[in-house]
Amino acid sequence: MSFVLTGRDLKASKLTWFFIGINVLLFLLLNVILDYFLHYQTVYFFAQNNMEIRSGVHIWSIFTSIFVHSDFMHLIFNMISLLLFGMMAEKYYTKFQWLIIYIGSGLLGSVASLILYPPFTIGLGASGAIYGLMAAVITYIPRNNLRLMIYGGIYVLLSLRPPTNFAHLFGMLAGFLIGLYIKRYPRNLTRRKKPKIRWRFSLWLATRRDRRFFRKEKRLAKKLNLDGEEHYPSTSALEQDPHINEINLLHKFHSRMNSSPTASFEQLARVLELGLPVLKEKLLVWNQKIPFDILNQSIKIVSIHQFNAALDEIFFAWEEKTSSQ
């Protein structure tokens, strides 16, 4: 499993850039523009004030405090960290899962600060949410990768040095637990587009063309009246049209890999009803457009979200091509 970030990851991390944009825009609005015109630090109206919240006032600031920062350096350090760990998290989690980790970690960090800090404490910043993203990424570090484990441990210890920041600590705890839950039950917190209608339409088109082929052969056999019997085609439309056959293989491949992110070549060969040499050739071709790792005698899906998105594009392109015909 690679923990190296590339330019492609930088371009694909749209959710990370979106939240960086929100934080920067709020900083400019609250800390610069309104502060200049109103001569009042408006940012602290949205910060978490423990005394006010315990009095039942500004309870919503538990949430808004995740998106505001006290000064420029506070913003810069947090946004650099958000860019780094946000990109890595988007590489291994879906957008919906990323959002749950970010918001959940930030909220737990705010609640922990409310409970464990004195009443006069004021808290703000995205640090708890960012620590949650970092901890969620740590759950994907392989156990045999000792170097990454040591680096991660040193970073955590340095970041949590006294005095203890409970927002950081509990934000990291929330991200770690959510990451473990997603890793163990990947489909429970997955919110994808619903492409089933599109796939059913693809299968309906394939079946429709198959029936038309059989009807044509049946009419021809009746017309010729060969041997006084109805003759049916020896091969189906799936064998006649390699494109339909390829799409149906991809549907089977998608269904199998969504049930489990890893599969051996023998298992895939049984599911797709292909020989091992043909299967390996197809996997090499598919891997050019569909993201999955080809190991020694098996394949593994790193990001089920990117895997489904790539297949979705292939199915949609084929439907458009079929509809135009």
C-alpha atoms as a PDB file:
ATOM      1  CA  MET A   1       0.000   0.000   0.000  1.00  0.00           C
ATOM      2  CA  SER A   2       1.502   3.319  -1.081  1.00  0.00           C
ATOM      3  CA  PHE A   3       1.498   6.393   1.167  1.00  0.00           C
ATOM      4  CA  VAL A   4       3.061   8.615  -1.498  1.00  0.00           C
ATOM      5  CA  LEU A   5       0.979  11.578  -2.705  1.00  0.00           C
ATOM      6  CA  THR A   6       1.103  12.541  -6.373  1.00  0.00           C
ATOM      7  CA  GLY A   7      -0.165  15.409  -8.508  1.00  0.00           C
ATOM      8  CA  ARG A   8      -3.147  13.233  -9.381  1.00  0.00           C
ATOM      9  CA  ASP A   9      -4.039  12.972  -5.674  1.00  0.00           C
ATOM     10  CA  LEU A  10      -3.706  16.746  -5.361  1.00  0.00           C
ATOM     11  CA  LYS A  11      -6.184  17.260  -8.201  1.00  0.00           C
ATOM     12  CA  ALA A  12      -8.603  14.568  -6.964  1.00  0.00           C
ATOM     13  CA  SER A  13      -8.802  15.869  -3.374  1.00  0.00           C
ATOM     14  CA  LYS A  14     -11.795  18.124  -4.051  1.00  0.00           C
ATOM     15  CA  LEU A  15     -13.343  17.804  -0.593  1.00  0.00           C
ATOM     16  CA  THR A  16     -10.074  18.789   1.081  1.00  0.00           C
ATOM     17  CA  TRP A  17      -9.746  21.878  -1.112  1.00  0.00           C
ATOM     18  CA  PHE A  18     -13.401  22.727  -0.451  1.00  0.00           C
ATOM     19  CA  PHE A  19     -12.891  22.780   3.332  1.00  0.00           C
ATOM     20  CA  ILE A  20      -9.616  24.683   2.992  1.00  0.00           C
ATOM     21  CA  GLY A  21     -11.542  27.252   0.976  1.00  0.00           C
ATOM     22  CA  ILE A  22     -14.261  27.508   3.640  1.00  0.00           C
ATOM     23  CA  ASN A  23     -11.693  28.025   6.418  1.00  0.00           C
ATOM     24  CA  VAL A  24      -9.766  30.656   4.449  1.00  0.00           C
ATOM     25  CA  LEU A  25     -12.916  32.547   3.399  1.00  0.00           C
ATOM     26  CA  LEU A  26     -14.228  32.617   6.976  1.00  0.00           C
ATOM     27  CA  PHE A  27     -10.853  33.866   8.192  1.00  0.00           C
ATOM     28  CA  LEU A  28     -10.856  36.694   5.641  1.00  0.00           C
ATOM     29  CA  LEU A  29     -14.455  37.590   6.441  1.00  0.00           C
ATOM     30  CA  LEU A  30     -14.330  37.424  10.252  1.00  0.00           C
ATOM     31  CA  ASN A  31     -10.701  38.193  11.100  1.00  0.00           C
ATOM     32  CA  VAL A  32      -9.939  40.762   8.394  1.00  0.00           C
ATOM     33  CA  ILE A  33     -12.981  42.425   6.835  1.00  0.00           C
ATOM     34  CA  LEU A  34     -15.442  42.557   9.751  1.00  0.00           C
ATOM     35  CA  ASP A  35     -12.651  43.166  12.255  1.00  0.00           C
ATOM     36  CA  TYR A  36     -11.496  46.167  10.203  1.00  0.00           C
ATOM     37  CA  PHE A  37     -14.922  47.732   9.746  1.00  0.00           C
ATOM     38  CA  LEU A  38     -16.533  46.867  13.095  1.00  0.00           C
ATOM     39  CA  HIS A  39     -13.382  47.153  15.245  1.00  0.00           C
ATOM     40  CA  TYR A  40     -14.566  44.008  17.022  1.00  0.00           C
ATOM     41  CA  GLN A  41     -13.135  40.498  16.972  1.00  0.00           C
ATOM     42  CA  THR A  42     -16.148  38.869  15.361  1.00  0.00           C
ATOM     43  CA  VAL A  43     -14.374  35.529  15.172  1.00  0.00           C
ATOM     44  CA  TYR A  44     -14.904  34.940  18.900  1.00  0.00           C
ATOM     45  CA  PHE A  45     -18.663  35.129  18.387  1.00  0.00           C
ATOM     46  CA  PHE A  46     -18.340  31.806  16.512  1.00  0.00           C
ATOM     47  CA  ALA A  47     -15.676  30.338  18.817  1.00  0.00           C
ATOM     48  CA  GLN A  48     -16.535  27.868  21.561  1.00  0.00           C
ATOM     49  CA  ASN A  49     -17.033  29.711  24.855  1.00  0.00           C
ATOM     50  CA  ASN A  50     -17.433  27.084  27.579  1.00  0.00           C
ATOM     51  CA  MET A  51     -19.094  29.449  30.029  1.00  0.00           C
ATOM     52  CA  GLU A  52     -21.762  30.553  27.529  1.00  0.00           C
ATOM     53  CA  ILE A  53     -22.463  26.999  26.353  1.00  0.00           C
ATOM     54  CA  ARG A  54     -22.832  25.721  29.929  1.00  0.00           C
ATOM     55  CA  SER A  55     -25.303  28.557  30.461  1.00  0.00           C
ATOM     56  CA  GLY A  56     -27.328  27.380  27.458  1.00  0.00           C
ATOM     57  CA  VAL A  57     -26.172  30.181  25.120  1.00  0.00           C
ATOM     58  CA  HIS A  58     -24.485  29.764  21.726  1.00  0.00           C
ATOM     59  CA  ILE A  59     -24.591  25.968  21.850  1.00  0.00           C
ATOM     60  CA  TRP A  60     -24.167  25.926  18.068  1.00  0.00           C
ATOM     61  CA  SER A  61     -20.619  27.293  18.533  1.00  0.00           C
ATOM     62  CA  ILE A  62     -19.538  23.702  19.320  1.00  0.00           C
ATOM     63  CA  PHE A  63     -19.909  23.165  15.566  1.00  0.00           C
ATOM     64  CA  THR A  64     -18.876  26.572  14.176  1.00  0.00           C
ATOM     65  CA  SER A  65     -15.663  26.641  16.209  1.00  0.00           C
ATOM     66  CA  ILE A  66     -14.305  23.895  13.926  1.00  0.00           C
ATOM     67  CA  PHE A  67     -14.126  26.358  11.018  1.00  0.00           C
ATOM     68  CA  VAL A  68     -12.650  29.532  12.583  1.00  0.00           C
ATOM     69  CA  HIS A  69      -9.084  30.417  13.613  1.00  0.00           C
ATOM     70  CA  SER A  70      -7.574  32.955  15.962  1.00  0.00           C
ATOM     71  CA  ASP A  71      -4.738  34.349  13.811  1.00  0.00           C
ATOM     72  CA  PHE A  72      -2.908  33.938  10.515  1.00  0.00           C
ATOM     73  CA  MET A  73      -0.261  31.457  11.753  1.00  0.00           C
ATOM     74  CA  HIS A  74      -2.972  29.322  13.370  1.00  0.00           C
ATOM     75  CA  LEU A  75      -4.759  29.194  10.001  1.00  0.00           C
ATOM     76  CA  ILE A  76      -1.611  28.476   7.963  1.00  0.00           C
ATOM     77  CA  PHE A  77      -0.404  25.557  10.100  1.00  0.00           C
ATOM     78  CA  ASN A  78      -3.869  24.001  10.216  1.00  0.00           C
ATOM     79  CA  MET A  79      -4.433  24.372   6.456  1.00  0.00           C
ATOM     80  CA  ILE A  80      -1.075  22.772   5.626  1.00  0.00           C
ATOM     81  CA  SER A  81      -1.958  19.854   7.903  1.00  0.00           C
ATOM     82  CA  LEU A  82      -5.454  19.639   6.426  1.00  0.00           C
ATOM     83  CA  LEU A  83      -4.024  19.542   2.909  1.00  0.00           C
ATOM     84  CA  LEU A  84      -1.603  16.744   3.789  1.00  0.00           C
ATOM     85  CA  PHE A  85      -3.857  14.496   5.859  1.00  0.00           C
ATOM     86  CA  GLY A  86      -7.029  15.419   3.958  1.00  0.00           C
ATOM     87  CA  MET A  87      -5.458  14.299   0.674  1.00  0.00           C
ATOM     88  CA  MET A  88      -4.272  11.043   2.213  1.00  0.00           C
ATOM     89  CA  ALA A  89      -7.705  10.402   3.737  1.00  0.00           C
ATOM     90  CA  GLU A  90      -9.463  11.049   0.414  1.00  0.00           C
ATOM     91  CA  LYS A  91      -7.152   8.466  -1.128  1.00  0.00           C
ATOM     92  CA  TYR A  92      -8.475   5.694   1.124  1.00  0.00           C
ATOM     93  CA  TYR A  93     -12.014   6.837   2.029  1.00  0.00           C
ATOM     94  CA  THR A  94     -15.085   7.942   0.102  1.00  0.00           C
ATOM     95  CA  LYS A  95     -16.216  11.578   0.227  1.00  0.00           C
ATOM     96  CA  PHE A  96     -19.051  10.659   2.593  1.00  0.00           C
ATOM     97  CA  GLN A  97     -16.724   8.732   4.912  1.00  0.00           C
ATOM     98  CA  TRP A  98     -14.214  11.606   4.840  1.00  0.00           C
ATOM     99  CA  LEU A  99     -16.983  14.012   5.853  1.00  0.00           C
ATOM    100  CA  ILE A 100     -18.065  11.765   8.745  1.00  0.00           C
ATOM    101  CA  ILE A 101     -14.469  11.517  10.004  1.00  0.00           C
ATOM    102  CA  TYR A 102     -13.856  15.273   9.731  1.00  0.00           C
ATOM    103  CA  ILE A 103     -17.095  16.486  11.324  1.00  0.00           C
ATOM    104  CA  GLY A 104     -17.270  13.654  13.882  1.00  0.00           C
ATOM    105  CA  SER A 105     -13.690  14.191  15.074  1.00  0.00           C
ATOM    106  CA  GLY A 106     -14.139  17.944  15.268  1.00  0.00           C
ATOM    107  CA  LEU A 107     -17.365  17.667  17.260  1.00  0.00           C
ATOM    108  CA  LEU A 108     -15.950  15.115  19.711  1.00  0.00           C
ATOM    109  CA  GLY A 109     -12.911  17.327  20.230  1.00  0.00           C
ATOM    110  CA  SER A 110     -15.169  20.316  20.956  1.00  0.00           C
ATOM    111  CA  VAL A 111     -17.325  18.326  23.389  1.00  0.00           C
ATOM    112  CA  ALA A 112     -14.208  17.024  25.176  1.00  0.00           C
ATOM    113  CA  SER A 113     -12.918  20.596  25.524  1.00  0.00           C
ATOM    114  CA  LEU A 114     -16.282  21.670  26.917  1.00  0.00           C
ATOM    115  CA  ILE A 115     -16.281  18.929  29.554  1.00  0.00           C
ATOM    116  CA  LEU A 116     -12.601  18.782  30.543  1.00  0.00           C
ATOM    117  CA  TYR A 117     -11.508  22.424  30.363  1.00  0.00           C
ATOM    118  CA  PRO A 118     -12.452  25.168  32.880  1.00  0.00           C
ATOM    119  CA  PRO A 119     -15.578  27.286  32.211  1.00  0.00           C
ATOM    120  CA  PHE A 120     -13.627  30.396  31.148  1.00  0.00           C
ATOM    121  CA  THR A 121     -11.905  28.536  28.293  1.00  0.00           C
ATOM    122  CA  ILE A 122     -12.430  29.647  24.676  1.00  0.00           C
ATOM    123  CA  GLY A 123     -11.623  27.170  21.935  1.00  0.00           C
ATOM    124  CA  LEU A 124     -11.490  27.409  18.141  1.00  0.00           C
ATOM    125  CA  GLY A 125      -9.719  25.801  15.206  1.00  0.00           C
ATOM    126  CA  ALA A 126      -9.903  22.768  12.935  1.00  0.00           C
ATOM    127  CA  SER A 127      -7.163  20.880  14.797  1.00  0.00           C
ATOM    128  CA  GLY A 128      -9.448  18.225  16.298  1.00  0.00           C
ATOM    129  CA  ALA A 129     -10.955  17.412  12.896  1.00  0.00           C
ATOM    130  CA  ILE A 130      -7.497  17.295  11.271  1.00  0.00           C
ATOM    131  CA  TYR A 131      -6.178  14.953  13.976  1.00  0.00           C
ATOM    132  CA  GLY A 132      -9.182  12.740  13.243  1.00  0.00           C
ATOM    133  CA  LEU A 133      -8.216  12.555   9.555  1.00  0.00           C
ATOM    134  CA  MET A 134      -4.621  11.769  10.530  1.00  0.00           C
ATOM    135  CA  ALA A 135      -5.712   8.944  12.841  1.00  0.00           C
ATOM    136  CA  ALA A 136      -8.060   7.540  10.186  1.00  0.00           C
ATOM    137  CA  VAL A 137      -5.127   7.376   7.757  1.00  0.00           C
ATOM    138  CA  ILE A 138      -2.981   5.639  10.397  1.00  0.00           C
ATOM    139  CA  THR A 139      -5.485   2.751  10.478  1.00  0.00           C
ATOM    140  CA  TYR A 140      -4.402   1.919   6.903  1.00  0.00           C
ATOM    141  CA  ILE A 141      -0.698   1.643   7.759  1.00  0.00           C
ATOM    142  CA  PRO A 142       0.237  -2.043   7.340  1.00  0.00           C
ATOM    143  CA  ARG A 143       1.274  -3.698  10.585  1.00  0.00           C
ATOM    144  CA  ASN A 144       4.531  -4.906   9.049  1.00  0.00           C
ATOM    145  CA  ASN A 145       5.530  -1.363   7.983  1.00  0.00           C
ATOM    146  CA  LEU A 146       7.513  -0.567  11.126  1.00  0.00           C
ATOM    147  CA  ARG A 147       9.003   2.663   9.779  1.00  0.00           C
ATOM    148  CA  LEU A 148       5.626   4.295   9.138  1.00  0.00           C
ATOM    149  CA  MET A 149       4.348   3.116  12.511  1.00  0.00           C
ATOM    150  CA  ILE A 150       7.339   4.728  14.270  1.00  0.00           C
ATOM    151  CA  TYR A 151       6.970   7.984  12.333  1.00  0.00           C
ATOM    152  CA  GLY A 152       3.262   8.106  13.128  1.00  0.00           C
ATOM    153  CA  GLY A 153       3.875   7.409  16.821  1.00  0.00           C
ATOM    154  CA  ILE A 154       6.558  10.106  17.108  1.00  0.00           C
ATOM    155  CA  TYR A 155       4.289  12.652  15.414  1.00  0.00           C
ATOM    156  CA  VAL A 156       1.422  11.835  17.746  1.00  0.00           C
ATOM    157  CA  LEU A 157       3.625  12.050  20.882  1.00  0.00           C
ATOM    158  CA  LEU A 158       5.115  15.393  19.829  1.00  0.00           C
ATOM    159  CA  SER A 159       1.695  16.791  18.982  1.00  0.00           C
ATOM    160  CA  LEU A 160       0.175  15.728  22.297  1.00  0.00           C
ATOM    161  CA  ARG A 161       3.008  16.934  24.536  1.00  0.00           C
ATOM    162  CA  PRO A 162       1.927  18.755  27.756  1.00  0.00           C
ATOM    163  CA  PRO A 163      -0.127  20.757  28.337  1.00  0.00           C
ATOM    164  CA  THR A 164      -2.566  18.222  26.918  1.00  0.00           C
ATOM    165  CA  ASN A 165      -4.906  19.533  24.227  1.00  0.00           C
ATOM    166  CA  PHE A 166      -8.089  17.529  24.740  1.00  0.00           C
ATOM    167  CA  ALA A 167      -9.526  18.641  21.395  1.00  0.00           C
ATOM    168  CA  HIS A 168      -6.508  17.095  19.639  1.00  0.00           C
ATOM    169  CA  LEU A 169      -6.550  13.961  21.770  1.00  0.00           C
ATOM    170  CA  PHE A 170     -10.267  13.177  21.461  1.00  0.00           C
ATOM    171  CA  GLY A 171     -10.396  14.275  17.807  1.00  0.00           C
ATOM    172  CA  MET A 172      -7.652  11.767  17.085  1.00  0.00           C
ATOM    173  CA  LEU A 173      -9.451   9.093  19.102  1.00  0.00           C
ATOM    174  CA  ALA A 174     -12.673   9.683  17.160  1.00  0.00           C
ATOM    175  CA  GLY A 175     -10.893   9.506  13.793  1.00  0.00           C
ATOM    176  CA  PHE A 176      -9.088   6.312  14.774  1.00  0.00           C
ATOM    177  CA  LEU A 177     -12.287   4.577  15.917  1.00  0.00           C
ATOM    178  CA  ILE A 178     -14.293   5.707  12.879  1.00  0.00           C
ATOM    179  CA  GLY A 179     -11.438   4.602  10.597  1.00  0.00           C
ATOM    180  CA  LEU A 180     -11.316   1.166  12.230  1.00  0.00           C
ATOM    181  CA  TYR A 181     -15.093   0.807  11.905  1.00  0.00           C
ATOM    182  CA  ILE A 182     -15.037   1.740   8.202  1.00  0.00           C
ATOM    183  CA  LYS A 183     -12.126  -0.601   7.568  1.00  0.00           C
ATOM    184  CA  ARG A 184     -13.965  -3.490   9.240  1.00  0.00           C
ATOM    185  CA  TYR A 185     -17.413  -2.702   7.815  1.00  0.00           C
ATOM    186  CA  PRO A 186     -16.655  -0.781   4.588  1.00  0.00           C
ATOM    187  CA  ARG A 187     -20.222  -0.808   3.252  1.00  0.00           C
ATOM    188  CA  ASN A 188     -21.968   0.513   6.387  1.00  0.00           C
ATOM    189  CA  LEU A 189     -20.704   4.092   6.036  1.00  0.00           C
ATOM    190  CA  THR A 190     -20.566   4.227   2.238  1.00  0.00           C
ATOM    191  CA  ARG A 191     -22.781   6.621   0.388  1.00  0.00           C
ATOM    192  CA  ARG A 192     -22.322   6.257  -3.338  1.00  0.00           C
ATOM    193  CA  LYS A 193     -24.348   7.380  -6.274  1.00  0.00           C
ATOM    194  CA  LYS A 194     -27.077   4.932  -7.072  1.00  0.00           C
ATOM    195  CA  PRO A 195     -26.022   3.545 -10.413  1.00  0.00           C
ATOM    196  CA  LYS A 196     -28.230   0.465 -10.196  1.00  0.00           C
ATOM    197  CA  ILE A 197     -30.767   1.987 -12.586  1.00  0.00           C
ATOM    198  CA  ARG A 198     -27.971   2.645 -15.050  1.00  0.00           C
ATOM    199  CA  TRP A 199     -26.612  -0.895 -14.735  1.00  0.00           C
ATOM    200  CA  ARG A 200     -30.081  -2.402 -15.021  1.00  0.00           C
ATOM    201  CA  PHE A 201     -30.597  -0.321 -18.154  1.00  0.00           C
ATOM    202  CA  SER A 202     -27.323  -1.705 -19.539  1.00  0.00           C
ATOM    203  CA  LEU A 203     -28.405  -5.273 -18.832  1.00  0.00           C
ATOM    204  CA  TRP A 204     -31.835  -4.555 -20.312  1.00  0.00           C
ATOM    205  CA  LEU A 205     -30.219  -3.271 -23.510  1.00  0.00           C
ATOM    206  CA  ALA A 206     -27.988  -6.343 -23.714  1.00  0.00           C
ATOM    207  CA  THR A 207     -30.945  -8.673 -23.130  1.00  0.00           C
ATOM    208  CA  ARG A 208     -33.049  -6.775 -25.670  1.00  0.00           C
ATOM    209  CA  ARG A 209     -30.396  -7.104 -28.353  1.00  0.00           C
ATOM    210  CA  ASP A 210     -30.017 -10.776 -27.451  1.00  0.00           C
ATOM    211  CA  ARG A 211     -33.780 -11.380 -27.900  1.00  0.00           C
ATOM    212  CA  ARG A 212     -33.795  -9.519 -31.204  1.00  0.00           C
ATOM    213  CA  PHE A 213     -30.985 -11.741 -32.436  1.00  0.00           C
ATOM    214  CA  PHE A 214     -32.873 -14.914 -31.470  1.00  0.00           C
ATOM    215  CA  ARG A 215     -36.102 -13.699 -33.068  1.00  0.00           C
ATOM    216  CA  LYS A 216     -34.280 -12.890 -36.281  1.00  0.00           C
ATOM    217  CA  GLU A 217     -32.699 -16.356 -36.390  1.00  0.00           C
ATOM    218  CA  LYS A 218     -36.030 -17.974 -35.588  1.00  0.00           C
ATOM    219  CA  ARG A 219     -37.829 -16.145 -38.415  1.00  0.00           C
ATOM    220  CA  LEU A 220     -35.047 -17.092 -40.825  1.00  0.00           C
ATOM    221  CA  ALA A 221     -35.271 -20.755 -39.803  1.00  0.00           C
ATOM    222  CA  LYS A 222     -39.050 -20.749 -40.282  1.00  0.00           C
ATOM    223  CA  LYS A 223     -38.735 -19.089 -43.643  1.00  0.00           C
ATOM    224  CA  LEU A 224     -36.209 -21.629 -44.872  1.00  0.00           C
ATOM    225  CA  ASN A 225     -38.101 -24.460 -43.118  1.00  0.00           C
ATOM    226  CA  LEU A 226     -34.929 -26.460 -42.745  1.00  0.00           C
ATOM    227  CA  ASP A 227     -35.733 -30.109 -42.020  1.00  0.00           C
ATOM    228  CA  GLY A 228     -39.247 -28.985 -41.083  1.00  0.00           C
ATOM    229  CA  GLU A 229     -37.953 -27.877 -37.672  1.00  0.00           C
ATOM    230  CA  GLU A 230     -37.309 -24.565 -36.010  1.00  0.00           C
ATOM    231  CA  HIS A 231     -33.607 -23.850 -35.876  1.00  0.00           C
ATOM    232  CA  TYR A 232     -32.092 -21.711 -33.169  1.00  0.00           C
ATOM    233  CA  PRO A 233     -28.711 -20.021 -33.241  1.00  0.00           C
ATOM    234  CA  SER A 234     -25.827 -22.072 -31.947  1.00  0.00           C
ATOM    235  CA  THR A 235     -24.292 -19.031 -30.277  1.00  0.00           C
ATOM    236  CA  SER A 236     -25.941 -16.230 -28.372  1.00  0.00           C
ATOM    237  CA  ALA A 237     -25.683 -12.526 -29.047  1.00  0.00           C
ATOM    238  CA  LEU A 238     -23.185 -12.263 -26.254  1.00  0.00           C
ATOM    239  CA  GLU A 239     -20.755 -14.352 -28.273  1.00  0.00           C
ATOM    240  CA  GLN A 240     -21.595 -12.478 -31.474  1.00  0.00           C
ATOM    241  CA  ASP A 241     -20.966  -9.033 -29.928  1.00  0.00           C
ATOM    242  CA  PRO A 242     -17.662  -8.819 -27.999  1.00  0.00           C
ATOM    243  CA  HIS A 243     -18.603  -5.419 -26.546  1.00  0.00           C
ATOM    244  CA  ILE A 244     -21.700  -6.815 -24.831  1.00  0.00           C
ATOM    245  CA  ASN A 245     -19.669  -9.747 -23.553  1.00  0.00           C
ATOM    246  CA  GLU A 246     -17.042  -7.361 -22.128  1.00  0.00           C
ATOM    247  CA  ILE A 247     -19.673  -5.244 -20.354  1.00  0.00           C
ATOM    248  CA  ASN A 248     -21.294  -8.293 -18.791  1.00  0.00           C
ATOM    249  CA  LEU A 249     -17.898  -9.505 -17.582  1.00  0.00           C
ATOM    250  CA  LEU A 250     -17.333  -6.089 -16.013  1.00  0.00           C
ATOM    251  CA  HIS A 251     -20.727  -6.304 -14.285  1.00  0.00           C
ATOM    252  CA  LYS A 252     -19.783  -9.678 -12.795  1.00  0.00           C
ATOM    253  CA  PHE A 253     -16.362  -8.333 -11.843  1.00  0.00           C
ATOM    254  CA  HIS A 254     -17.951  -5.303 -10.145  1.00  0.00           C
ATOM    255  CA  SER A 255     -20.424  -7.440  -8.205  1.00  0.00           C
ATOM    256  CA  ARG A 256     -17.699  -9.806  -6.985  1.00  0.00           C
ATOM    257  CA  MET A 257     -15.282  -7.083  -5.861  1.00  0.00           C
ATOM    258  CA  ASN A 258     -17.997  -5.114  -4.047  1.00  0.00           C
ATOM    259  CA  SER A 259     -18.760  -8.164  -1.936  1.00  0.00           C
ATOM    260  CA  SER A 260     -15.105  -8.421  -0.878  1.00  0.00           C
ATOM    261  CA  PRO A 261     -12.199  -6.078  -1.765  1.00  0.00           C
ATOM    262  CA  THR A 262      -9.775  -8.957  -2.394  1.00  0.00           C
ATOM    263  CA  ALA A 263     -10.049 -11.965  -4.692  1.00  0.00           C
ATOM    264  CA  SER A 264      -7.661 -14.609  -5.970  1.00  0.00           C
ATOM    265  CA  PHE A 265      -7.252 -15.325  -9.680  1.00  0.00           C
ATOM    266  CA  GLU A 266      -8.919 -18.727  -9.210  1.00  0.00           C
ATOM    267  CA  GLN A 267     -12.003 -17.151  -7.598  1.00  0.00           C
ATOM    268  CA  LEU A 268     -12.332 -14.557 -10.363  1.00  0.00           C
ATOM    269  CA  ALA A 269     -11.824 -17.202 -13.032  1.00  0.00           C
ATOM    270  CA  ARG A 270     -14.768 -19.184 -11.604  1.00  0.00           C
ATOM    271  CA  VAL A 271     -16.997 -16.115 -11.331  1.00  0.00           C
ATOM    272  CA  LEU A 272     -16.211 -14.790 -14.810  1.00  0.00           C
ATOM    273  CA  GLU A 273     -16.042 -18.282 -16.349  1.00  0.00           C
ATOM    274  CA  LEU A 274     -12.672 -17.585 -17.949  1.00  0.00           C
ATOM    275  CA  GLY A 275      -9.412 -19.430 -18.133  1.00  0.00           C
ATOM    276  CA  LEU A 276      -6.506 -18.085 -16.064  1.00  0.00           C
ATOM    277  CA  PRO A 277      -4.435 -16.864 -19.059  1.00  0.00           C
ATOM    278  CA  VAL A 278      -7.436 -14.975 -20.513  1.00  0.00           C
ATOM    279  CA  LEU A 279      -8.327 -13.594 -17.077  1.00  0.00           C
ATOM    280  CA  LYS A 280      -4.811 -12.233 -16.521  1.00  0.00           C
ATOM    281  CA  GLU A 281      -4.844 -10.535 -19.928  1.00  0.00           C
ATOM    282  CA  LYS A 282      -8.208  -8.903 -19.179  1.00  0.00           C
ATOM    283  CA  LEU A 283      -7.084  -7.752 -15.726  1.00  0.00           C
ATOM    284  CA  LEU A 284      -4.044  -6.047 -17.261  1.00  0.00           C
ATOM    285  CA  VAL A 285      -6.280  -4.286 -19.801  1.00  0.00           C
ATOM    286  CA  TRP A 286      -8.928  -3.304 -17.218  1.00  0.00           C
ATOM    287  CA  ASN A 287      -6.282  -2.031 -14.806  1.00  0.00           C
ATOM    288  CA  GLN A 288      -5.443   0.755 -17.271  1.00  0.00           C
ATOM    289  CA  LYS A 289      -8.847   2.376 -16.551  1.00  0.00           C
ATOM    290  CA  ILE A 290      -9.990   0.766 -13.288  1.00  0.00           C
ATOM    291  CA  PRO A 291      -7.918   1.304 -10.101  1.00  0.00           C
ATOM    292  CA  PHE A 292      -7.011  -1.967  -8.362  1.00  0.00           C
ATOM    293  CA  ASP A 293      -3.753  -3.581  -7.258  1.00  0.00           C
ATOM    294  CA  ILE A 294      -2.588  -6.750  -9.004  1.00  0.00           C
ATOM    295  CA  LEU A 295      -0.637  -8.839  -6.508  1.00  0.00           C
ATOM    296  CA  ASN A 296       1.105 -12.189  -6.964  1.00  0.00           C
ATOM    297  CA  GLN A 297      -1.945 -14.417  -7.456  1.00  0.00           C
ATOM    298  CA  SER A 298      -4.762 -12.052  -6.477  1.00  0.00           C
ATOM    299  CA  ILE A 299      -6.104  -8.507  -6.823  1.00  0.00           C
ATOM    300  CA  LYS A 300      -7.047  -5.955  -4.159  1.00  0.00           C
ATOM    301  CA  ILE A 301      -9.270  -2.875  -4.210  1.00  0.00           C
ATOM    302  CA  VAL A 302      -7.618  -0.001  -2.317  1.00  0.00           C
ATOM    303  CA  SER A 303     -10.447   2.527  -2.718  1.00  0.00           C
ATOM    304  CA  ILE A 304     -13.898   1.069  -3.415  1.00  0.00           C
ATOM    305  CA  HIS A 305     -15.149   4.586  -4.174  1.00  0.00           C
ATOM    306  CA  GLN A 306     -12.613   5.154  -6.988  1.00  0.00           C
ATOM    307  CA  PHE A 307     -13.189   1.590  -8.240  1.00  0.00           C
ATOM    308  CA  ASN A 308     -16.967   2.102  -8.533  1.00  0.00           C
ATOM    309  CA  ALA A 309     -16.557   5.565 -10.070  1.00  0.00           C
ATOM    310  CA  ALA A 310     -14.280   4.210 -12.821  1.00  0.00           C
ATOM    311  CA  LEU A 311     -16.690   1.376 -13.636  1.00  0.00           C
ATOM    312  CA  ASP A 312     -19.586   3.809 -13.583  1.00  0.00           C
ATOM    313  CA  GLU A 313     -17.896   5.902 -16.268  1.00  0.00           C
ATOM    314  CA  ILE A 314     -17.278   2.828 -18.418  1.00  0.00           C
ATOM    315  CA  PHE A 315     -20.904   1.681 -18.139  1.00  0.00           C
ATOM    316  CA  PHE A 316     -22.234   5.152 -18.886  1.00  0.00           C
ATOM    317  CA  ALA A 317     -20.005   5.550 -21.960  1.00  0.00           C
ATOM    318  CA  TRP A 318     -21.153   2.166 -23.256  1.00  0.00           C
ATOM    319  CA  GLU A 319     -24.823   3.083 -22.749  1.00  0.00           C
ATOM    320  CA  GLU A 320     -24.406   6.306 -24.649  1.00  0.00           C
ATOM    321  CA  LYS A 321     -22.681   4.476 -27.478  1.00  0.00           C
ATOM    322  CA  THR A 322     -25.410   1.806 -27.530  1.00  0.00           C
ATOM    323  CA  SER A 323     -28.239   4.370 -27.420  1.00  0.00           C
ATOM    324  CA  SER A 324     -26.758   6.310 -30.336  1.00  0.00           C
ATOM    325  CA  GLN A 325     -26.749   3.115 -32.396  1.00  0.00           C
END
